[in-house]
């Protein structure tokens, strides 16, 4: 999320931070294949 939707920003207030974080979270939730690909990586199976 940080690399794609939260980086290189200047936040004007706490509410602005929360708004952008909610936006980023919802974008990620709309793309379940991104989360699935993290779990399919080889290093994720070593735990």
Protein backbone atom coordinates (compact mmCIF):
# COMPACT_ATOMS: atom_id res chain seq x y z
CA UNK A 1 0.00 0.00 0.00
CA UNK A 2 2.77 2.38 0.89
CA UNK A 3 4.54 2.00 -2.44
CA UNK A 4 1.40 2.27 -4.53
CA UNK A 5 -1.04 4.61 -2.81
CA UNK A 6 0.51 6.28 0.22
CA UNK A 7 4.00 7.37 -0.83
CA UNK A 8 5.22 10.86 -1.71
CA UNK A 9 2.35 12.73 -0.10
CA UNK A 10 2.04 15.64 2.25
CA UNK A 11 -0.82 15.22 4.66
CA UNK A 12 -2.58 18.35 5.84
CA UNK A 13 -4.19 16.90 8.93
CA UNK A 14 -4.89 13.72 10.85
CA UNK A 15 -8.21 13.37 9.04
CA UNK A 16 -6.37 13.63 5.71
CA UNK A 17 -4.09 10.75 6.77
CA UNK A 18 -7.05 8.61 7.79
CA UNK A 19 -8.87 9.38 4.53
CA UNK A 20 -5.87 8.38 2.41
CA UNK A 21 -5.27 5.23 4.46
CA UNK A 22 -8.91 4.18 4.07
CA UNK A 23 -8.68 4.80 0.34
CA UNK A 24 -5.52 2.69 0.09
CA UNK A 25 -7.03 -0.11 2.19
CA UNK A 26 -10.16 -0.19 0.03
CA UNK A 27 -8.07 -0.27 -3.15
CA UNK A 28 -6.16 -3.24 -1.76
CA UNK A 29 -9.36 -4.99 -0.66
CA UNK A 30 -10.69 -4.62 -4.22
CA UNK A 31 -7.63 -6.49 -5.53
CA UNK A 32 -7.51 -9.83 -3.66
CA UNK A 33 -5.06 -11.29 -6.18
CA UNK A 34 -2.37 -8.94 -4.80
CA UNK A 35 -2.74 -10.46 -1.36
CA UNK A 36 -2.84 -13.98 -2.81
CA UNK A 37 0.41 -13.47 -4.72
CA UNK A 38 2.23 -12.53 -1.51
CA UNK A 39 1.15 -15.85 0.03
CA UNK A 40 2.32 -17.76 -3.03
CA UNK A 41 5.91 -16.50 -2.87
CA UNK A 42 8.54 -19.04 -1.92
CA UNK A 43 9.80 -17.12 1.13
CA UNK A 44 6.27 -17.07 2.61
CA UNK A 45 6.28 -20.85 2.99
CA UNK A 46 9.28 -20.91 5.32
CA UNK A 47 7.36 -19.86 8.43
